[in-house]
Structures are given as C-alpha cells and as structure tokens.
Amino acid sequence: MKFGDFEISIIRESTFKLDGGAMFGVVPKALWANVASADAANRVELSCNLLFIQTPNGNVLIETGMGPRWSEKERARYDLKTLIDHNNVLESIGLSNTDVSAVVLSHLHFDHVGGACVDRDGKLSPTFPKAKYYTQKGELEFAYKANARAQASYREADFKTLLDNNMLIALEGDHEILPGIKVHVSGGHTSHHQIITFESNGNHGVYFGDIIPTQSHLPPPWVMGYDHYPLETCDIKSRWLATAANKNWLVVFDHEPGVPWGHVQAERSKFIWKPFARDSLAVV
C-alpha cells in the first residue's frame, strides 16, 4: 500500500491463542465474549501482524512475532500456527531477510521478539542479518530481572543472541529510527513499552503494540491482565486514540485476528473501528 513516499505491508506471521480472561483483564466475560469468541479452553484467537515499511532511506520491520522455535507441547498450549518461512519472511512481497535495515520491537515479550532469531545448524542467528534491532534500555534491563509475575513472558535467548552479535540497540527515550519513523515510550503494558509512529508526505500512522492489541480493546478501560500498569494503559489509550481519530491516522493493531489496519473514529464517547478491506493484506 502506498503511504506517501513509503510502501507499507502487513505480514501475518502466525496465529495463536491466549486465555480470554488474561486478554481482557477485569472486563467480565459476559461483555468481552460479545466481541471475541473463546474456545473450550477459554482461549481467544490472536495474530502476530508485522508491519513492513519501505522508505527511501531504508526498510523497517516492526515486530518479529512468535518465531519458529517452539516445542510441540508449547505449540499445543498456544494453538500456535506458523504462517511464514522465517528464513524468508518477506517472500510474499518479493523481498528477502537481507532487505531489512531496521527492526523495531515495541517490547521484548516472546510474541514480539520470538522471530528475531532463527536456529541454523543448531546455533541461533539473527533472522535479519543486515538489520539493527531497536528496543528501550529500560525494557532490556527489566527483561533480565523480571519478577515472578513477569518472567514467563521473556525468553533470554530471543534477545541475548542479538546482543552477542552487537545488533541490539538499547534506546533511552523517544527516538527517530529513520526519517519519518519514530518510537515513543508509552509505558503501560511494560514500563518501557514503545509505540511506533510513521509519517510521509502528510500521511500519519501509528502501530500501538500491546497498548491496543486488537480492535476489541478499543474501549480505554478494556486493558489486558498482562499489563504491568493497567491504569496507565487506560490513560495512554485515551490520549493516543483521540489523536488518531481527530487527525485520521492509519492505525495498525499487532494482534488483531481480522483486518489489522484501518482508521478509528470518535463517536460521542466511543471509538469506532473502520478497517480496510480484507484484500488489503499482503498475507491472509
């Protein structure tokens, strides 16, 4: 899809399932079940939607998804279905892994950084060999010292391999990755979670990461049980959604199982999701 001087694509890396109660926190199932169907194990379907942005100054991949390095037991737990070949992530748009200049990670949970590395001949290697990977320094520090509640969401091998190869850049605060592509420390989901914005020729877009994982999470109070700071997430959503609606930004959701990009409209006290057509996806 043309976006000013950029070309943007969605790569649907995988589908998986997580517990509905965890995904909707204190929202009663009697409410969230109206917008998200649960299976017999109370799991709701999710996707890992990677955003690829081709710019005149380089190509940026936002998130890497779950990745391929899961046991059969783990795959069954998450009902994980891998949809791409991680040795050729960009095959659907005619490019290769070596065409990625930068990888932006909203945070270091396994469903966002799991695809950052692949196993080649029994050794972990960066999936995108010519890219620098960007996260926040505070997020990296927390990943190494996460407490009992949070530590299950981090797998050290996912990011240690990047550090060992001098490919992980630990930012300290908001930063412009390439002209027009910026990260903004939001907090909320984790203390140093970052939202990504992109702008070209007057076109603006936002990738919310896990601040708003799906369109079902548009109501500001509907925050995940996984969030470290849920009250902050609620306020962050209200501010960013108001801006996105008022300025007609393109919105991208990282875990939306339906169409993950479109626009948000503010109607009275609610935010309404207006997705693009399903054939707008590079990979369905």
C-alpha atoms as a PDB file:
ATOM      1  CA  MET A   1       0.000   0.000   0.000  1.00  0.00           C
ATOM      2  CA  LYS A   2       1.337   3.438  -0.915  1.00  0.00           C
ATOM      3  CA  PHE A   3       1.744   5.744   2.067  1.00  0.00           C
ATOM      4  CA  GLY A   4       3.275   8.987   0.881  1.00  0.00           C
ATOM      5  CA  ASP A   5       6.802   8.093  -0.207  1.00  0.00           C
ATOM      6  CA  PHE A   6       6.569   4.849   1.767  1.00  0.00           C
ATOM      7  CA  GLU A   7       5.270   1.442   0.778  1.00  0.00           C
ATOM      8  CA  ILE A   8       3.702  -0.441   3.699  1.00  0.00           C
ATOM      9  CA  SER A   9       2.703  -4.093   4.034  1.00  0.00           C
ATOM     10  CA  ILE A  10       1.258  -6.380   6.687  1.00  0.00           C
ATOM     11  CA  ILE A  11       2.984  -9.732   7.167  1.00  0.00           C
ATOM     12  CA  ARG A  12       0.795 -12.120   9.157  1.00  0.00           C
ATOM     13  CA  GLU A  13       3.455 -14.184  10.882  1.00  0.00           C
ATOM     14  CA  SER A  14       1.314 -16.552  12.948  1.00  0.00           C
ATOM     15  CA  THR A  15      -1.941 -17.182  14.710  1.00  0.00           C
ATOM     16  CA  PHE A  16      -2.133 -18.267  18.326  1.00  0.00           C
ATOM     17  CA  LYS A  17      -4.476 -18.273  21.307  1.00  0.00           C
ATOM     18  CA  LEU A  18      -4.305 -16.877  24.822  1.00  0.00           C
ATOM     19  CA  ASP A  19      -6.692 -17.059  27.749  1.00  0.00           C
ATOM     20  CA  GLY A  20      -9.597 -14.665  27.257  1.00  0.00           C
ATOM     21  CA  GLY A  21      -9.617 -13.594  30.893  1.00  0.00           C
ATOM     22  CA  ALA A  22      -5.949 -12.638  30.679  1.00  0.00           C
ATOM     23  CA  MET A  23      -6.518 -10.756  27.420  1.00  0.00           C
ATOM     24  CA  PHE A  24      -9.362  -8.668  28.863  1.00  0.00           C
ATOM     25  CA  GLY A  25      -8.329  -8.281  32.491  1.00  0.00           C
ATOM     26  CA  VAL A  26     -11.127  -7.110  34.783  1.00  0.00           C
ATOM     27  CA  VAL A  27     -13.692  -6.933  31.953  1.00  0.00           C
ATOM     28  CA  PRO A  28     -16.298  -9.654  32.638  1.00  0.00           C
ATOM     29  CA  LYS A  29     -16.577 -12.466  30.125  1.00  0.00           C
ATOM     30  CA  ALA A  30     -20.254 -11.605  29.722  1.00  0.00           C
ATOM     31  CA  LEU A  31     -19.029  -8.437  27.978  1.00  0.00           C
ATOM     32  CA  TRP A  32     -15.885  -9.467  26.119  1.00  0.00           C
ATOM     33  CA  ALA A  33     -17.472 -12.657  24.768  1.00  0.00           C
ATOM     34  CA  ASN A  34     -19.663 -10.422  22.600  1.00  0.00           C
ATOM     35  CA  VAL A  35     -16.620  -9.305  20.606  1.00  0.00           C
ATOM     36  CA  ALA A  36     -14.129 -12.194  20.953  1.00  0.00           C
ATOM     37  CA  SER A  37     -15.125 -15.845  20.689  1.00  0.00           C
ATOM     38  CA  ALA A  38     -13.491 -18.260  23.139  1.00  0.00           C
ATOM     39  CA  ASP A  39     -12.767 -21.946  22.555  1.00  0.00           C
ATOM     40  CA  ALA A  40     -13.436 -24.777  25.025  1.00  0.00           C
ATOM     41  CA  ALA A  41     -10.252 -23.857  26.919  1.00  0.00           C
ATOM     42  CA  ASN A  42     -11.388 -20.209  27.198  1.00  0.00           C
ATOM     43  CA  ARG A  43      -8.729 -19.100  24.698  1.00  0.00           C
ATOM     44  CA  VAL A  44      -9.303 -16.301  22.165  1.00  0.00           C
ATOM     45  CA  GLU A  45      -7.711 -16.195  18.731  1.00  0.00           C
ATOM     46  CA  LEU A  46      -4.934 -13.700  18.031  1.00  0.00           C
ATOM     47  CA  SER A  47      -2.456 -12.992  15.249  1.00  0.00           C
ATOM     48  CA  CYS A  48       1.041 -11.610  15.038  1.00  0.00           C
ATOM     49  CA  ASN A  49       0.826  -8.811  12.478  1.00  0.00           C
ATOM     50  CA  LEU A  50       4.205  -7.459  11.439  1.00  0.00           C
ATOM     51  CA  LEU A  51       4.338  -4.077   9.709  1.00  0.00           C
ATOM     52  CA  PHE A  52       6.939  -3.651   6.973  1.00  0.00           C
ATOM     53  CA  ILE A  53       7.725  -0.105   5.838  1.00  0.00           C
ATOM     54  CA  GLN A  54       9.809   0.551   2.733  1.00  0.00           C
ATOM     55  CA  THR A  55      11.261   4.072   2.771  1.00  0.00           C
ATOM     56  CA  PRO A  56      13.725   5.988   0.578  1.00  0.00           C
ATOM     57  CA  ASN A  57      16.217   5.692   3.461  1.00  0.00           C
ATOM     58  CA  GLY A  58      15.866   2.004   4.273  1.00  0.00           C
ATOM     59  CA  ASN A  59      13.360  -0.700   5.154  1.00  0.00           C
ATOM     60  CA  VAL A  60      11.889  -1.096   8.636  1.00  0.00           C
ATOM     61  CA  LEU A  61      10.163  -4.145  10.110  1.00  0.00           C
ATOM     62  CA  ILE A  62       8.009  -3.553  13.182  1.00  0.00           C
ATOM     63  CA  GLU A  63       7.924  -6.626  15.452  1.00  0.00           C
ATOM     64  CA  THR A  64       9.024 -10.171  14.605  1.00  0.00           C
ATOM     65  CA  GLY A  65       6.178 -12.282  16.014  1.00  0.00           C
ATOM     66  CA  MET A  66       6.306 -15.628  17.790  1.00  0.00           C
ATOM     67  CA  GLY A  67       9.029 -17.129  15.627  1.00  0.00           C
ATOM     68  CA  PRO A  68       9.575 -20.817  14.837  1.00  0.00           C
ATOM     69  CA  ARG A  69      11.397 -22.041  17.962  1.00  0.00           C
ATOM     70  CA  TRP A  70       8.623 -23.791  19.901  1.00  0.00           C
ATOM     71  CA  SER A  71       8.175 -27.384  21.049  1.00  0.00           C
ATOM     72  CA  GLU A  72       5.104 -29.378  20.076  1.00  0.00           C
ATOM     73  CA  LYS A  73       3.865 -29.118  23.671  1.00  0.00           C
ATOM     74  CA  GLU A  74       4.172 -25.325  23.571  1.00  0.00           C
ATOM     75  CA  ARG A  75       2.511 -25.144  20.174  1.00  0.00           C
ATOM     76  CA  ALA A  76      -0.435 -27.092  21.524  1.00  0.00           C
ATOM     77  CA  ARG A  77      -0.664 -24.827  24.590  1.00  0.00           C
ATOM     78  CA  TYR A  78      -0.975 -21.726  22.399  1.00  0.00           C
ATOM     79  CA  ASP A  79      -2.596 -23.453  19.401  1.00  0.00           C
ATOM     80  CA  LEU A  80       0.272 -21.811  17.535  1.00  0.00           C
ATOM     81  CA  LYS A  81       0.211 -21.934  13.750  1.00  0.00           C
ATOM     82  CA  THR A  82       3.234 -20.507  11.952  1.00  0.00           C
ATOM     83  CA  LEU A  83       2.243 -18.943   8.626  1.00  0.00           C
ATOM     84  CA  ILE A  84       5.578 -17.971   7.078  1.00  0.00           C
ATOM     85  CA  ASP A  85       9.081 -19.307   6.462  1.00  0.00           C
ATOM     86  CA  HIS A  86      11.292 -17.359   8.869  1.00  0.00           C
ATOM     87  CA  ASN A  87      14.252 -17.794   6.558  1.00  0.00           C
ATOM     88  CA  ASN A  88      12.288 -15.751   4.021  1.00  0.00           C
ATOM     89  CA  VAL A  89       9.921 -13.542   5.998  1.00  0.00           C
ATOM     90  CA  LEU A  90       9.300 -11.102   3.130  1.00  0.00           C
ATOM     91  CA  GLU A  91       8.708 -13.710   0.433  1.00  0.00           C
ATOM     92  CA  SER A  92       5.110 -12.573  -0.120  1.00  0.00           C
ATOM     93  CA  ILE A  93       6.255  -9.100  -1.211  1.00  0.00           C
ATOM     94  CA  GLY A  94       9.218 -10.256  -3.280  1.00  0.00           C
ATOM     95  CA  LEU A  95      11.996  -9.311  -0.857  1.00  0.00           C
ATOM     96  CA  SER A  96      14.372 -11.217   1.412  1.00  0.00           C
ATOM     97  CA  ASN A  97      15.535 -11.015   5.023  1.00  0.00           C
ATOM     98  CA  THR A  98      18.667  -9.162   3.916  1.00  0.00           C
ATOM     99  CA  ASP A  99      16.477  -6.279   2.704  1.00  0.00           C
ATOM    100  CA  VAL A 100      15.582  -5.256   6.272  1.00  0.00           C
ATOM    101  CA  SER A 101      17.590  -2.275   7.554  1.00  0.00           C
ATOM    102  CA  ALA A 102      15.994  -1.911  10.997  1.00  0.00           C
ATOM    103  CA  VAL A 103      13.740  -3.977  13.247  1.00  0.00           C
ATOM    104  CA  VAL A 104      11.690  -2.121  15.860  1.00  0.00           C
ATOM    105  CA  LEU A 105      10.460  -4.057  18.890  1.00  0.00           C
ATOM    106  CA  SER A 106       7.686  -2.488  20.964  1.00  0.00           C
ATOM    107  CA  HIS A 107       8.923  -4.621  23.875  1.00  0.00           C
ATOM    108  CA  LEU A 108      10.658  -7.947  24.466  1.00  0.00           C
ATOM    109  CA  HIS A 109       7.816 -10.370  25.211  1.00  0.00           C
ATOM    110  CA  PHE A 110       8.182 -13.642  23.333  1.00  0.00           C
ATOM    111  CA  ASP A 111       5.325 -12.938  20.909  1.00  0.00           C
ATOM    112  CA  HIS A 112       7.095  -9.792  19.697  1.00  0.00           C
ATOM    113  CA  VAL A 113      10.769 -10.791  19.649  1.00  0.00           C
ATOM    114  CA  GLY A 114      10.433 -14.558  19.142  1.00  0.00           C
ATOM    115  CA  GLY A 115      11.087 -14.216  15.421  1.00  0.00           C
ATOM    116  CA  ALA A 116      14.198 -12.075  15.860  1.00  0.00           C
ATOM    117  CA  CYS A 117      16.443 -15.144  15.719  1.00  0.00           C
ATOM    118  CA  VAL A 118      16.355 -18.480  13.924  1.00  0.00           C
ATOM    119  CA  ASP A 119      18.086 -21.798  14.531  1.00  0.00           C
ATOM    120  CA  ARG A 120      20.615 -22.521  11.809  1.00  0.00           C
ATOM    121  CA  ASP A 121      22.500 -25.804  12.162  1.00  0.00           C
ATOM    122  CA  GLY A 122      21.944 -25.887  15.907  1.00  0.00           C
ATOM    123  CA  LYS A 123      23.036 -22.291  16.501  1.00  0.00           C
ATOM    124  CA  LEU A 124      20.861 -19.227  16.996  1.00  0.00           C
ATOM    125  CA  SER A 125      21.447 -16.449  14.468  1.00  0.00           C
ATOM    126  CA  PRO A 126      19.721 -13.116  13.839  1.00  0.00           C
ATOM    127  CA  THR A 127      16.884 -13.575  11.353  1.00  0.00           C
ATOM    128  CA  PHE A 128      17.689 -10.275   9.616  1.00  0.00           C
ATOM    129  CA  PRO A 129      21.474 -10.261   9.259  1.00  0.00           C
ATOM    130  CA  LYS A 130      21.883  -6.685   7.970  1.00  0.00           C
ATOM    131  CA  ALA A 131      19.481  -5.008  10.414  1.00  0.00           C
ATOM    132  CA  LYS A 132      19.864  -3.254  13.719  1.00  0.00           C
ATOM    133  CA  TYR A 133      17.189  -4.139  16.251  1.00  0.00           C
ATOM    134  CA  TYR A 134      15.752  -1.382  18.462  1.00  0.00           C
ATOM    135  CA  THR A 135      14.215  -1.607  21.928  1.00  0.00           C
ATOM    136  CA  GLN A 136      14.310   0.539  25.048  1.00  0.00           C
ATOM    137  CA  LYS A 137      17.188   0.192  27.512  1.00  0.00           C
ATOM    138  CA  GLY A 138      14.742   0.013  30.419  1.00  0.00           C
ATOM    139  CA  GLU A 139      12.854  -2.813  28.709  1.00  0.00           C
ATOM    140  CA  LEU A 140      16.073  -4.772  28.191  1.00  0.00           C
ATOM    141  CA  GLU A 141      17.154  -4.272  31.791  1.00  0.00           C
ATOM    142  CA  PHE A 142      13.767  -5.408  33.083  1.00  0.00           C
ATOM    143  CA  ALA A 143      13.785  -8.476  30.836  1.00  0.00           C
ATOM    144  CA  TYR A 144      16.900  -9.705  32.661  1.00  0.00           C
ATOM    145  CA  LYS A 145      15.483  -9.118  36.133  1.00  0.00           C
ATOM    146  CA  ALA A 146      11.748  -9.686  35.644  1.00  0.00           C
ATOM    147  CA  ASN A 147       9.933 -10.799  38.781  1.00  0.00           C
ATOM    148  CA  ALA A 148       7.925 -13.990  39.159  1.00  0.00           C
ATOM    149  CA  ARG A 149       4.792 -12.477  37.636  1.00  0.00           C
ATOM    150  CA  ALA A 150       6.505 -11.168  34.502  1.00  0.00           C
ATOM    151  CA  GLN A 151       9.395 -13.538  33.811  1.00  0.00           C
ATOM    152  CA  ALA A 152       7.351 -16.128  31.878  1.00  0.00           C
ATOM    153  CA  SER A 153       6.817 -13.547  29.118  1.00  0.00           C
ATOM    154  CA  TYR A 154      10.552 -13.238  28.399  1.00  0.00           C
ATOM    155  CA  ARG A 155      12.918 -15.757  26.772  1.00  0.00           C
ATOM    156  CA  GLU A 156      16.510 -14.629  27.198  1.00  0.00           C
ATOM    157  CA  ALA A 157      17.739 -16.375  24.054  1.00  0.00           C
ATOM    158  CA  ASP A 158      15.463 -14.173  21.938  1.00  0.00           C
ATOM    159  CA  PHE A 159      17.429 -11.029  22.704  1.00  0.00           C
ATOM    160  CA  LYS A 160      20.770 -12.288  24.089  1.00  0.00           C
ATOM    161  CA  THR A 161      21.669 -13.557  20.618  1.00  0.00           C
ATOM    162  CA  LEU A 162      21.161 -10.048  19.263  1.00  0.00           C
ATOM    163  CA  LEU A 163      23.349  -8.587  21.999  1.00  0.00           C
ATOM    164  CA  ASP A 164      26.068 -11.160  21.360  1.00  0.00           C
ATOM    165  CA  ASN A 165      26.087 -10.136  17.694  1.00  0.00           C
ATOM    166  CA  ASN A 166      26.155  -6.385  18.506  1.00  0.00           C
ATOM    167  CA  MET A 167      22.841  -5.926  16.707  1.00  0.00           C
ATOM    168  CA  LEU A 168      20.568  -4.773  19.540  1.00  0.00           C
ATOM    169  CA  ILE A 169      20.346  -1.017  20.096  1.00  0.00           C
ATOM    170  CA  ALA A 170      19.064  -0.044  23.563  1.00  0.00           C
ATOM    171  CA  LEU A 171      17.442   3.367  23.252  1.00  0.00           C
ATOM    172  CA  GLU A 172      16.881   5.782  26.104  1.00  0.00           C
ATOM    173  CA  GLY A 173      13.653   7.586  25.340  1.00  0.00           C
ATOM    174  CA  ASP A 174      11.846   8.676  22.189  1.00  0.00           C
ATOM    175  CA  HIS A 175      13.895   8.313  19.010  1.00  0.00           C
ATOM    176  CA  GLU A 176      13.665   8.643  15.222  1.00  0.00           C
ATOM    177  CA  ILE A 177      14.773   5.313  13.726  1.00  0.00           C
ATOM    178  CA  LEU A 178      14.774   6.547  10.120  1.00  0.00           C
ATOM    179  CA  PRO A 179      13.319   9.791   8.724  1.00  0.00           C
ATOM    180  CA  GLY A 180       9.579   9.660   9.429  1.00  0.00           C
ATOM    181  CA  ILE A 181       9.652   6.571  11.668  1.00  0.00           C
ATOM    182  CA  LYS A 182       9.721   7.257  15.400  1.00  0.00           C
ATOM    183  CA  VAL A 183       9.350   5.379  18.679  1.00  0.00           C
ATOM    184  CA  HIS A 184       7.630   6.902  21.701  1.00  0.00           C
ATOM    185  CA  VAL A 185       7.991   5.447  25.193  1.00  0.00           C
ATOM    186  CA  SER A 186       4.465   4.805  26.403  1.00  0.00           C
ATOM    187  CA  GLY A 187       4.775   2.566  29.440  1.00  0.00           C
ATOM    188  CA  GLY A 188       1.552   0.834  30.431  1.00  0.00           C
ATOM    189  CA  HIS A 189       1.964  -2.692  29.134  1.00  0.00           C
ATOM    190  CA  THR A 190       5.544  -2.724  30.419  1.00  0.00           C
ATOM    191  CA  SER A 191       7.427   0.170  31.988  1.00  0.00           C
ATOM    192  CA  HIS A 192       9.331   0.914  28.749  1.00  0.00           C
ATOM    193  CA  HIS A 193       6.912  -0.300  26.105  1.00  0.00           C
ATOM    194  CA  GLN A 194       7.136   1.859  22.971  1.00  0.00           C
ATOM    195  CA  ILE A 195       4.544   2.935  20.399  1.00  0.00           C
ATOM    196  CA  ILE A 196       5.703   3.434  16.814  1.00  0.00           C
ATOM    197  CA  THR A 197       4.556   6.233  14.510  1.00  0.00           C
ATOM    198  CA  PHE A 198       5.303   6.702  10.815  1.00  0.00           C
ATOM    199  CA  GLU A 199       4.791   9.753   8.599  1.00  0.00           C
ATOM    200  CA  SER A 200       5.383  10.576   4.942  1.00  0.00           C
ATOM    201  CA  ASN A 201       4.113  13.500   2.866  1.00  0.00           C
ATOM    202  CA  GLY A 202       1.406  14.398   5.353  1.00  0.00           C
ATOM    203  CA  ASN A 203       0.245  10.808   5.902  1.00  0.00           C
ATOM    204  CA  HIS A 204       0.424   9.656   9.524  1.00  0.00           C
ATOM    205  CA  GLY A 205       0.147   6.208  11.051  1.00  0.00           C
ATOM    206  CA  VAL A 206       0.549   4.510  14.426  1.00  0.00           C
ATOM    207  CA  TYR A 207       1.402   0.975  15.495  1.00  0.00           C
ATOM    208  CA  PHE A 208       0.161   0.647  19.063  1.00  0.00           C
ATOM    209  CA  GLY A 209       1.971  -2.542  20.066  1.00  0.00           C
ATOM    210  CA  ASP A 210       0.341  -4.066  23.122  1.00  0.00           C
ATOM    211  CA  ILE A 211      -1.261  -0.830  24.293  1.00  0.00           C
ATOM    212  CA  ILE A 212      -4.156  -1.762  21.973  1.00  0.00           C
ATOM    213  CA  PRO A 213      -3.555  -5.325  20.742  1.00  0.00           C
ATOM    214  CA  THR A 214      -6.868  -5.809  18.879  1.00  0.00           C
ATOM    215  CA  GLN A 215      -9.862  -3.799  17.768  1.00  0.00           C
ATOM    216  CA  SER A 216     -11.779  -5.405  20.649  1.00  0.00           C
ATOM    217  CA  HIS A 217      -9.516  -3.454  23.031  1.00  0.00           C
ATOM    218  CA  LEU A 218     -10.535  -0.026  21.705  1.00  0.00           C
ATOM    219  CA  PRO A 219     -12.531   0.983  24.831  1.00  0.00           C
ATOM    220  CA  PRO A 220      -9.901   2.623  27.079  1.00  0.00           C
ATOM    221  CA  PRO A 221     -10.927   0.620  30.210  1.00  0.00           C
ATOM    222  CA  TRP A 222     -10.570  -2.702  28.345  1.00  0.00           C
ATOM    223  CA  VAL A 223      -6.932  -3.412  29.188  1.00  0.00           C
ATOM    224  CA  MET A 224      -5.142  -6.728  29.440  1.00  0.00           C
ATOM    225  CA  GLY A 225      -4.443  -8.667  32.594  1.00  0.00           C
ATOM    226  CA  TYR A 226      -0.903  -8.945  31.205  1.00  0.00           C
ATOM    227  CA  ASP A 227      -0.346  -5.185  31.558  1.00  0.00           C
ATOM    228  CA  HIS A 228       2.120  -4.231  34.278  1.00  0.00           C
ATOM    229  CA  TYR A 229       0.492  -0.811  34.725  1.00  0.00           C
ATOM    230  CA  PRO A 230      -3.166  -1.152  33.640  1.00  0.00           C
ATOM    231  CA  LEU A 231      -4.313   2.242  34.916  1.00  0.00           C
ATOM    232  CA  GLU A 232      -1.594   3.908  32.863  1.00  0.00           C
ATOM    233  CA  THR A 233      -2.610   1.889  29.809  1.00  0.00           C
ATOM    234  CA  CYS A 234      -6.161   3.203  30.124  1.00  0.00           C
ATOM    235  CA  ASP A 235      -4.982   6.825  30.092  1.00  0.00           C
ATOM    236  CA  ILE A 236      -2.456   6.231  27.299  1.00  0.00           C
ATOM    237  CA  LYS A 237      -5.160   4.709  25.093  1.00  0.00           C
ATOM    238  CA  SER A 238      -7.489   7.639  25.630  1.00  0.00           C
ATOM    239  CA  ARG A 239      -4.856  10.187  24.592  1.00  0.00           C
ATOM    240  CA  TRP A 240      -3.487   8.353  21.572  1.00  0.00           C
ATOM    241  CA  LEU A 241      -6.875   7.246  20.239  1.00  0.00           C
ATOM    242  CA  ALA A 242      -8.188  10.803  20.432  1.00  0.00           C
ATOM    243  CA  THR A 243      -5.232  11.987  18.340  1.00  0.00           C
ATOM    244  CA  ALA A 244      -5.563   9.126  15.838  1.00  0.00           C
ATOM    245  CA  ALA A 245      -9.288   9.784  15.404  1.00  0.00           C
ATOM    246  CA  ASN A 246      -9.043  13.581  15.192  1.00  0.00           C
ATOM    247  CA  LYS A 247      -6.187  13.517  12.680  1.00  0.00           C
ATOM    248  CA  ASN A 248      -7.400  10.476  10.692  1.00  0.00           C
ATOM    249  CA  TRP A 249      -4.215   8.475  11.261  1.00  0.00           C
ATOM    250  CA  LEU A 250      -3.762   4.998   9.863  1.00  0.00           C
ATOM    251  CA  VAL A 251      -3.994   2.582  12.822  1.00  0.00           C
ATOM    252  CA  VAL A 252      -2.343  -0.862  12.967  1.00  0.00           C
ATOM    253  CA  PHE A 253      -3.065  -3.497  15.641  1.00  0.00           C
ATOM    254  CA  ASP A 254      -0.383  -6.086  16.397  1.00  0.00           C
ATOM    255  CA  HIS A 255      -2.659  -8.982  17.455  1.00  0.00           C
ATOM    256  CA  GLU A 256      -5.932  -8.364  15.602  1.00  0.00           C
ATOM    257  CA  PRO A 257      -7.059 -11.684  14.047  1.00  0.00           C
ATOM    258  CA  GLY A 258      -9.253  -9.918  11.470  1.00  0.00           C
ATOM    259  CA  VAL A 259      -8.144  -6.977   9.330  1.00  0.00           C
ATOM    260  CA  PRO A 260      -5.478  -5.263  11.474  1.00  0.00           C
ATOM    261  CA  TRP A 261      -5.305  -1.852   9.814  1.00  0.00           C
ATOM    262  CA  GLY A 262      -7.744   0.951   9.116  1.00  0.00           C
ATOM    263  CA  HIS A 263      -8.965   4.094  10.875  1.00  0.00           C
ATOM    264  CA  VAL A 264     -10.585   4.976  14.186  1.00  0.00           C
ATOM    265  CA  GLN A 265     -13.490   7.389  14.504  1.00  0.00           C
ATOM    266  CA  ALA A 266     -14.665   9.112  17.666  1.00  0.00           C
ATOM    267  CA  GLU A 267     -18.445   8.979  18.023  1.00  0.00           C
ATOM    268  CA  ARG A 268     -19.842  10.505  21.209  1.00  0.00           C
ATOM    269  CA  SER A 269     -17.892   8.805  23.990  1.00  0.00           C
ATOM    270  CA  LYS A 270     -16.784   5.781  21.936  1.00  0.00           C
ATOM    271  CA  PHE A 271     -14.080   4.924  19.439  1.00  0.00           C
ATOM    272  CA  ILE A 272     -15.314   3.059  16.355  1.00  0.00           C
ATOM    273  CA  TRP A 273     -13.106   0.811  14.222  1.00  0.00           C
ATOM    274  CA  LYS A 274     -13.210   1.239  10.424  1.00  0.00           C
ATOM    275  CA  PRO A 275     -10.993  -1.498   8.930  1.00  0.00           C
ATOM    276  CA  PHE A 276      -9.703  -1.646   5.376  1.00  0.00           C
ATOM    277  CA  ALA A 277     -10.914  -4.357   3.015  1.00  0.00           C
ATOM    278  CA  ARG A 278      -9.536  -7.823   3.704  1.00  0.00           C
ATOM    279  CA  ASP A 279      -7.729  -7.936   0.351  1.00  0.00           C
ATOM    280  CA  SER A 280      -5.506  -5.073   1.591  1.00  0.00           C
ATOM    281  CA  LEU A 281      -3.415  -7.643   3.461  1.00  0.00           C
ATOM    282  CA  ALA A 282      -0.187  -8.902   1.918  1.00  0.00           C
ATOM    283  CA  VAL A 283      -0.658 -12.251   3.653  1.00  0.00           C
ATOM    284  CA  VAL A 284      -4.051 -13.566   4.733  1.00  0.00           C
END
